[in-house]
Amino acid sequence: MYGVESSFSLALLLIVAIFLVMLALFNAIMRKWLRVEKPKAFSNNHVNDKHKKIDWSIRIFGITMMVAGYFINVTRLPQEPYLLLEPWFLLLVFLFATEIVRAIMERKYAKNPNAYLYTISQLVFLLIFLVSLFTTDFFGFL
């Protein structure tokens, strides 16, 4: 009754694979359409020093909130945690915050005027994908 079904890992792997393929295709199409360079993988692409400082401030605040949220939620009943202090929720909020800051900085300071549109389109794509995952119960897989 409670536990992980035997097909859970296969379904999760399928969802992740579908997401990665869709994301790669979306990014390739948007890069060509907007004529934006491909960013380096797994690197911090800061526009300038101001962006770097703001980004690190958001990260430090996010980590602090996750630690504080853990200590607050661990003292509550397991059935009644604060949603706003759950790690997955905070991670999504701070991910969106850093990407919005990136888009603003790219709009103001980037050499390519379409760079911010690429960042916003990625953010909208991620938001649409996450909303569709949760509203369709993970496309019926889980």
N, C-alpha and C. Protein backbone atom coordinates (compact mmCIF):
# COMPACT_ATOMS: atom_id res chain seq x y z
N MET A 1 0.82 -1.18 0.00
CA MET A 1 0.00 0.00 0.00
C MET A 1 0.87 1.25 0.00
N TYR A 2 1.79 1.34 0.95
CA TYR A 2 2.71 2.46 0.97
C TYR A 2 4.05 1.96 0.50
N GLY A 3 4.64 2.66 -0.38
CA GLY A 3 5.92 2.24 -0.90
C GLY A 3 6.03 2.60 -2.36
N VAL A 4 7.12 2.16 -2.93
CA VAL A 4 7.39 2.47 -4.31
C VAL A 4 7.02 1.27 -5.17
N GLU A 5 6.26 1.53 -6.21
CA GLU A 5 5.90 0.45 -7.12
C GLU A 5 7.13 0.04 -7.92
N SER A 6 7.08 -1.16 -8.46
CA SER A 6 8.24 -1.67 -9.19
C SER A 6 8.51 -0.88 -10.47
N SER A 7 7.49 -0.26 -11.03
CA SER A 7 7.67 0.49 -12.27
C SER A 7 7.99 1.96 -12.04
N PHE A 8 8.17 2.37 -10.79
CA PHE A 8 8.41 3.78 -10.48
C PHE A 8 9.69 4.28 -11.13
N SER A 9 10.78 3.54 -10.98
CA SER A 9 12.06 4.02 -11.50
C SER A 9 12.04 4.11 -13.02
N LEU A 10 11.37 3.19 -13.67
CA LEU A 10 11.25 3.24 -15.13
C LEU A 10 10.42 4.44 -15.57
N ALA A 11 9.33 4.70 -14.88
CA ALA A 11 8.48 5.84 -15.21
C ALA A 11 9.22 7.16 -14.96
N LEU A 12 9.95 7.23 -13.86
CA LEU A 12 10.71 8.44 -13.56
C LEU A 12 11.81 8.66 -14.60
N LEU A 13 12.49 7.60 -14.98
CA LEU A 13 13.52 7.69 -16.01
C LEU A 13 12.92 8.16 -17.34
N LEU A 14 11.75 7.67 -17.67
CA LEU A 14 11.08 8.06 -18.90
C LEU A 14 10.69 9.54 -18.88
N ILE A 15 10.18 10.02 -17.75
CA ILE A 15 9.81 11.42 -17.63
C ILE A 15 11.03 12.31 -17.75
N VAL A 16 12.12 11.94 -17.08
CA VAL A 16 13.35 12.73 -17.15
C VAL A 16 13.91 12.74 -18.57
N ALA A 17 13.89 11.59 -19.23
CA ALA A 17 14.39 11.50 -20.61
C ALA A 17 13.55 12.37 -21.55
N ILE A 18 12.23 12.32 -21.41
CA ILE A 18 11.35 13.14 -22.24
C ILE A 18 11.63 14.62 -22.00
N PHE A 19 11.79 14.99 -20.74
CA PHE A 19 12.07 16.39 -20.41
C PHE A 19 13.40 16.84 -21.02
N LEU A 20 14.44 16.03 -20.89
CA LEU A 20 15.75 16.42 -21.42
C LEU A 20 15.74 16.55 -22.94
N VAL A 21 15.06 15.64 -23.62
CA VAL A 21 14.98 15.72 -25.08
C VAL A 21 14.19 16.96 -25.49
N MET A 22 13.06 17.20 -24.83
CA MET A 22 12.25 18.38 -25.15
C MET A 22 13.02 19.66 -24.87
N LEU A 23 13.76 19.70 -23.77
CA LEU A 23 14.54 20.88 -23.42
C LEU A 23 15.65 21.12 -24.43
N ALA A 24 16.35 20.07 -24.84
CA ALA A 24 17.42 20.22 -25.83
C ALA A 24 16.87 20.73 -27.16
N LEU A 25 15.75 20.17 -27.59
CA LEU A 25 15.14 20.63 -28.85
C LEU A 25 14.66 22.08 -28.74
N PHE A 26 14.01 22.39 -27.64
CA PHE A 26 13.52 23.75 -27.43
C PHE A 26 14.67 24.75 -27.42
N ASN A 27 15.74 24.42 -26.69
CA ASN A 27 16.89 25.33 -26.62
C ASN A 27 17.54 25.52 -27.98
N ALA A 28 17.69 24.43 -28.74
CA ALA A 28 18.30 24.54 -30.07
C ALA A 28 17.46 25.41 -30.99
N ILE A 29 16.16 25.21 -30.97
CA ILE A 29 15.27 26.01 -31.83
C ILE A 29 15.31 27.48 -31.42
N MET A 30 15.23 27.75 -30.12
CA MET A 30 15.22 29.13 -29.65
C MET A 30 16.56 29.82 -29.90
N ARG A 31 17.67 29.10 -29.75
CA ARG A 31 18.99 29.69 -30.02
C ARG A 31 19.10 30.10 -31.49
N LYS A 32 18.64 29.24 -32.39
CA LYS A 32 18.71 29.57 -33.82
C LYS A 32 17.76 30.70 -34.17
N TRP A 33 16.57 30.67 -33.60
CA TRP A 33 15.57 31.68 -33.91
C TRP A 33 15.99 33.06 -33.40
N LEU A 34 16.54 33.11 -32.18
CA LEU A 34 16.94 34.38 -31.57
C LEU A 34 18.40 34.74 -31.85
N ARG A 35 19.14 33.84 -32.48
CA ARG A 35 20.56 34.04 -32.79
C ARG A 35 21.37 34.32 -31.52
N VAL A 36 21.25 33.42 -30.57
CA VAL A 36 21.95 33.53 -29.29
C VAL A 36 23.00 32.42 -29.23
N GLU A 37 24.17 32.75 -28.69
CA GLU A 37 25.23 31.76 -28.55
C GLU A 37 24.85 30.71 -27.51
N LYS A 38 25.39 29.51 -27.71
CA LYS A 38 25.14 28.43 -26.76
C LYS A 38 25.96 28.70 -25.50
N PRO A 39 25.31 28.73 -24.33
CA PRO A 39 26.07 28.97 -23.09
C PRO A 39 26.90 27.75 -22.72
N LYS A 40 27.95 28.01 -21.96
CA LYS A 40 28.79 26.91 -21.49
C LYS A 40 27.99 26.04 -20.52
N ALA A 41 28.18 24.74 -20.63
CA ALA A 41 27.45 23.82 -19.75
C ALA A 41 28.04 23.86 -18.35
N PHE A 42 27.18 23.86 -17.35
CA PHE A 42 27.55 23.81 -15.94
C PHE A 42 28.50 24.93 -15.54
N SER A 43 28.25 26.12 -16.02
CA SER A 43 29.07 27.25 -15.62
C SER A 43 28.16 28.41 -15.23
N ASN A 44 28.71 29.30 -14.46
CA ASN A 44 27.96 30.49 -14.08
C ASN A 44 28.17 31.54 -15.16
N ASN A 45 27.15 31.83 -15.90
CA ASN A 45 27.24 32.81 -16.97
C ASN A 45 26.75 34.15 -16.45
N HIS A 46 27.60 34.82 -15.70
CA HIS A 46 27.23 36.12 -15.16
C HIS A 46 27.49 37.19 -16.21
N VAL A 47 26.59 38.14 -16.30
CA VAL A 47 26.71 39.21 -17.28
C VAL A 47 27.79 40.19 -16.85
N ASN A 48 27.80 40.55 -15.57
CA ASN A 48 28.81 41.46 -15.03
C ASN A 48 28.97 41.20 -13.54
N ASP A 49 29.80 42.00 -12.87
CA ASP A 49 30.05 41.80 -11.44
C ASP A 49 28.80 42.07 -10.59
N LYS A 50 28.00 43.02 -11.00
CA LYS A 50 26.76 43.30 -10.26
C LYS A 50 25.85 42.08 -10.29
N HIS A 51 25.73 41.45 -11.45
CA HIS A 51 24.92 40.25 -11.58
C HIS A 51 25.48 39.13 -10.71
N LYS A 52 26.80 39.01 -10.68
CA LYS A 52 27.44 37.97 -9.87
C LYS A 52 27.12 38.17 -8.39
N LYS A 53 27.20 39.40 -7.91
CA LYS A 53 26.91 39.68 -6.50
C LYS A 53 25.45 39.40 -6.16
N ILE A 54 24.54 39.82 -7.02
CA ILE A 54 23.12 39.58 -6.78
C ILE A 54 22.82 38.09 -6.80
N ASP A 55 23.41 37.38 -7.76
CA ASP A 55 23.19 35.94 -7.88
C ASP A 55 23.67 35.21 -6.64
N TRP A 56 24.85 35.56 -6.16
CA TRP A 56 25.36 34.89 -4.96
C TRP A 56 24.55 35.28 -3.72
N SER A 57 24.04 36.49 -3.68
CA SER A 57 23.17 36.89 -2.56
C SER A 57 21.90 36.04 -2.54
N ILE A 58 21.32 35.82 -3.72
CA ILE A 58 20.11 34.98 -3.80
C ILE A 58 20.43 33.56 -3.38
N ARG A 59 21.58 33.04 -3.80
CA ARG A 59 21.96 31.67 -3.44
C ARG A 59 22.16 31.52 -1.94
N ILE A 60 22.87 32.46 -1.34
CA ILE A 60 23.11 32.38 0.11
C ILE A 60 21.80 32.51 0.88
N PHE A 61 20.95 33.43 0.46
CA PHE A 61 19.64 33.58 1.10
C PHE A 61 18.81 32.32 0.94
N GLY A 62 18.86 31.71 -0.23
CA GLY A 62 18.12 30.47 -0.48
C GLY A 62 18.58 29.33 0.40
N ILE A 63 19.89 29.17 0.54
CA ILE A 63 20.42 28.11 1.40
C ILE A 63 20.04 28.37 2.85
N THR A 64 20.13 29.63 3.27
CA THR A 64 19.73 29.99 4.63
C THR A 64 18.26 29.68 4.88
N MET A 65 17.42 30.00 3.91
CA MET A 65 15.99 29.71 4.04
C MET A 65 15.71 28.21 4.09
N MET A 66 16.47 27.42 3.32
CA MET A 66 16.28 25.97 3.35
C MET A 66 16.65 25.39 4.71
N VAL A 67 17.75 25.87 5.27
CA VAL A 67 18.17 25.39 6.59
C VAL A 67 17.16 25.82 7.65
N ALA A 68 16.74 27.08 7.61
CA ALA A 68 15.74 27.56 8.57
C ALA A 68 14.42 26.81 8.39
N GLY A 69 14.03 26.59 7.14
CA GLY A 69 12.80 25.85 6.87
C GLY A 69 12.85 24.44 7.39
N TYR A 70 14.02 23.82 7.29
CA TYR A 70 14.17 22.46 7.82
C TYR A 70 13.94 22.46 9.32
N PHE A 71 14.59 23.38 10.03
CA PHE A 71 14.46 23.39 11.49
C PHE A 71 13.04 23.75 11.93
N ILE A 72 12.37 24.58 11.18
CA ILE A 72 10.98 24.92 11.53
C ILE A 72 10.06 23.74 11.25
N ASN A 73 10.21 23.12 10.09
CA ASN A 73 9.31 22.02 9.72
C ASN A 73 9.58 20.75 10.51
N VAL A 74 10.80 20.54 10.96
CA VAL A 74 11.10 19.31 11.71
C VAL A 74 10.46 19.34 13.10
N THR A 75 10.16 20.53 13.59
CA THR A 75 9.52 20.63 14.91
C THR A 75 7.99 20.51 14.82
N ARG A 76 7.46 20.53 13.62
CA ARG A 76 6.01 20.42 13.43
C ARG A 76 5.63 18.97 13.19
N LEU A 77 4.34 18.70 13.22
CA LEU A 77 3.86 17.36 12.92
C LEU A 77 4.16 17.03 11.46
N PRO A 78 4.47 15.78 11.14
CA PRO A 78 4.79 15.43 9.75
C PRO A 78 3.66 15.72 8.76
N GLN A 79 2.43 15.72 9.23
CA GLN A 79 1.30 15.98 8.35
C GLN A 79 1.04 17.47 8.14
N GLU A 80 1.73 18.33 8.91
CA GLU A 80 1.45 19.76 8.85
C GLU A 80 2.69 20.62 8.63
N PRO A 81 3.50 20.33 7.63
CA PRO A 81 4.65 21.21 7.39
C PRO A 81 4.20 22.49 6.68
N TYR A 82 5.00 23.52 6.80
CA TYR A 82 4.74 24.74 6.05
C TYR A 82 5.20 24.53 4.62
N LEU A 83 4.29 24.64 3.68
CA LEU A 83 4.62 24.44 2.27
C LEU A 83 5.68 25.43 1.81
N LEU A 84 5.58 26.66 2.27
CA LEU A 84 6.51 27.69 1.83
C LEU A 84 7.93 27.47 2.34
N LEU A 85 8.11 26.55 3.28
CA LEU A 85 9.45 26.26 3.80
C LEU A 85 9.94 24.88 3.39
N GLU A 86 9.20 24.20 2.53
CA GLU A 86 9.65 22.90 2.02
C GLU A 86 10.82 23.11 1.06
N PRO A 87 11.84 22.25 1.12
CA PRO A 87 13.03 22.45 0.26
C PRO A 87 12.71 22.47 -1.23
N TRP A 88 11.82 21.62 -1.71
CA TRP A 88 11.52 21.60 -3.14
C TRP A 88 10.86 22.90 -3.58
N PHE A 89 10.01 23.46 -2.72
CA PHE A 89 9.33 24.71 -3.05
C PHE A 89 10.33 25.87 -3.06
N LEU A 90 11.19 25.91 -2.04
CA LEU A 90 12.19 26.97 -1.98
C LEU A 90 13.17 26.88 -3.15
N LEU A 91 13.53 25.67 -3.53
CA LEU A 91 14.43 25.49 -4.66
C LEU A 91 13.82 26.05 -5.94
N LEU A 92 12.55 25.77 -6.17
CA LEU A 92 11.88 26.31 -7.36
C LEU A 92 11.78 27.83 -7.31
N VAL A 93 11.45 28.37 -6.15
CA VAL A 93 11.33 29.82 -6.02
C VAL A 93 12.66 30.50 -6.30
N PHE A 94 13.74 29.98 -5.72
CA PHE A 94 15.03 30.63 -5.91
C PHE A 94 15.61 30.35 -7.29
N LEU A 95 15.26 29.25 -7.91
CA LEU A 95 15.64 29.01 -9.30
C LEU A 95 14.99 30.05 -10.21
N PHE A 96 13.70 30.28 -10.02
CA PHE A 96 13.01 31.29 -10.82
C PHE A 96 13.54 32.68 -10.52
N ALA A 97 13.87 32.96 -9.26
CA ALA A 97 14.41 34.28 -8.91
C ALA A 97 15.75 34.53 -9.60
N THR A 98 16.63 33.54 -9.60
CA THR A 98 17.94 33.73 -10.24
C THR A 98 17.79 33.89 -11.75
N GLU A 99 16.85 33.17 -12.35
CA GLU A 99 16.66 33.29 -13.80
C GLU A 99 16.02 34.63 -14.16
N ILE A 100 15.14 35.14 -13.33
CA ILE A 100 14.55 36.45 -13.59
C ILE A 100 15.61 37.54 -13.47
N VAL A 101 16.48 37.42 -12.45
CA VAL A 101 17.58 38.38 -12.31
C VAL A 101 18.50 38.29 -13.53
N ARG A 102 18.79 37.07 -13.99
CA ARG A 102 19.63 36.91 -15.19
C ARG A 102 18.99 37.60 -16.39
N ALA A 103 17.69 37.43 -16.57
CA ALA A 103 17.00 38.06 -17.70
C ALA A 103 17.06 39.58 -17.61
N ILE A 104 16.87 40.12 -16.41
CA ILE A 104 16.94 41.57 -16.23
C ILE A 104 18.34 42.08 -16.54
N MET A 105 19.35 41.39 -16.05
CA MET A 105 20.73 41.81 -16.30
C MET A 105 21.09 41.68 -17.78
N GLU A 106 20.61 40.63 -18.43
CA GLU A 106 20.87 40.48 -19.86
C GLU A 106 20.16 41.58 -20.65
N ARG A 107 18.98 41.95 -20.22
CA ARG A 107 18.24 43.02 -20.90
C ARG A 107 19.00 44.34 -20.81
N LYS A 108 19.58 44.60 -19.64
CA LYS A 108 20.26 45.88 -19.44
C LYS A 108 21.69 45.89 -19.99
N TYR A 109 22.44 44.77 -19.80
CA TYR A 109 23.88 44.84 -20.02
C TYR A 109 24.45 43.88 -21.07
N ALA A 110 23.68 42.95 -21.58
CA ALA A 110 24.23 41.95 -22.51
C ALA A 110 24.50 42.56 -23.88
N LYS A 111 25.49 41.98 -24.56
CA LYS A 111 25.84 42.44 -25.91
C LYS A 111 24.75 42.07 -26.91
N ASN A 112 24.20 40.87 -26.78
CA ASN A 112 23.15 40.41 -27.68
C ASN A 112 21.79 40.84 -27.11
N PRO A 113 21.03 41.63 -27.86
CA PRO A 113 19.75 42.11 -27.33
C PRO A 113 18.69 41.00 -27.17
N ASN A 114 18.92 39.84 -27.79
CA ASN A 114 17.95 38.75 -27.69
C ASN A 114 18.27 37.76 -26.57
N ALA A 115 19.36 37.97 -25.85
CA ALA A 115 19.77 37.02 -24.81
C ALA A 115 18.72 36.91 -23.71
N TYR A 116 18.13 38.03 -23.34
CA TYR A 116 17.13 37.98 -22.27
C TYR A 116 15.87 37.25 -22.72
N LEU A 117 15.53 37.36 -24.01
CA LEU A 117 14.37 36.63 -24.52
C LEU A 117 14.59 35.13 -24.45
N TYR A 118 15.81 34.70 -24.71
CA TYR A 118 16.16 33.28 -24.61
C TYR A 118 16.00 32.80 -23.17
N THR A 119 16.48 33.58 -22.21
CA THR A 119 16.36 33.22 -20.80
C THR A 119 14.89 33.16 -20.37
N ILE A 120 14.12 34.14 -20.78
CA ILE A 120 12.70 34.15 -20.42
C ILE A 120 11.97 32.98 -21.07
N SER A 121 12.32 32.66 -22.31
CA SER A 121 11.66 31.53 -22.98
C SER A 121 11.99 30.21 -22.28
N GLN A 122 13.22 30.06 -21.81
CA GLN A 122 13.57 28.86 -21.05
C GLN A 122 12.76 28.77 -19.76
N LEU A 123 12.61 29.89 -19.10
CA LEU A 123 11.85 29.94 -17.85
C LEU A 123 10.38 29.61 -18.09
N VAL A 124 9.81 30.14 -19.13
CA VAL A 124 8.41 29.86 -19.46
C VAL A 124 8.24 28.39 -19.84
N PHE A 125 9.19 27.84 -20.60
CA PHE A 125 9.14 26.42 -20.96
C PHE A 125 9.16 25.55 -19.71
N LEU A 126 10.07 25.85 -18.78
CA LEU A 126 10.16 25.08 -17.54
C LEU A 126 8.87 25.20 -16.73
N LEU A 127 8.31 26.39 -16.65
CA LEU A 127 7.07 26.59 -15.91
C LEU A 127 5.92 25.80 -16.53
N ILE A 128 5.80 25.85 -17.85
CA ILE A 128 4.74 25.10 -18.53
C ILE A 128 4.92 23.60 -18.31
N PHE A 129 6.15 23.13 -18.39
CA PHE A 129 6.40 21.70 -18.19
C PHE A 129 6.06 21.27 -16.77
N LEU A 130 6.47 22.05 -15.77
CA LEU A 130 6.19 21.70 -14.38
C LEU A 130 4.69 21.74 -14.08
N VAL A 131 4.01 22.75 -14.57
CA VAL A 131 2.56 22.84 -14.35
C VAL A 131 1.86 21.67 -15.02
N SER A 132 2.27 21.32 -16.24
CA SER A 132 1.63 20.20 -16.92
C SER A 132 1.94 18.87 -16.22
N LEU A 133 3.13 18.74 -15.64
CA LEU A 133 3.45 17.52 -14.88
C LEU A 133 2.52 17.36 -13.69
N PHE A 134 2.35 18.44 -12.93
CA PHE A 134 1.56 18.34 -11.71
C PHE A 134 0.06 18.27 -12.00
N THR A 135 -0.41 18.94 -13.03
CA THR A 135 -1.85 18.90 -13.32
C THR A 135 -2.28 17.60 -13.97
N THR A 136 -1.37 16.91 -14.65
CA THR A 136 -1.73 15.64 -15.29
C THR A 136 -1.26 14.44 -14.48
N ASP A 137 -0.86 14.69 -13.24
CA ASP A 137 -0.36 13.63 -12.38
C ASP A 137 0.80 12.90 -13.06
N PHE A 138 1.78 13.70 -13.48
CA PHE A 138 2.99 13.20 -14.14
C PHE A 138 2.65 12.39 -15.39
N PHE A 139 1.74 12.94 -16.18
CA PHE A 139 1.28 12.33 -17.44
C PHE A 139 0.75 10.92 -17.23
N GLY A 140 0.28 10.63 -16.03
CA GLY A 140 -0.29 9.32 -15.73
C GLY A 140 0.75 8.25 -15.47
N PHE A 141 2.03 8.61 -15.43
CA PHE A 141 3.08 7.61 -15.22
C PHE A 141 3.23 7.23 -13.75
N LEU A 142 3.07 8.19 -12.85
CA LEU A 142 3.33 7.90 -11.44
C LEU A 142 2.05 7.81 -10.64
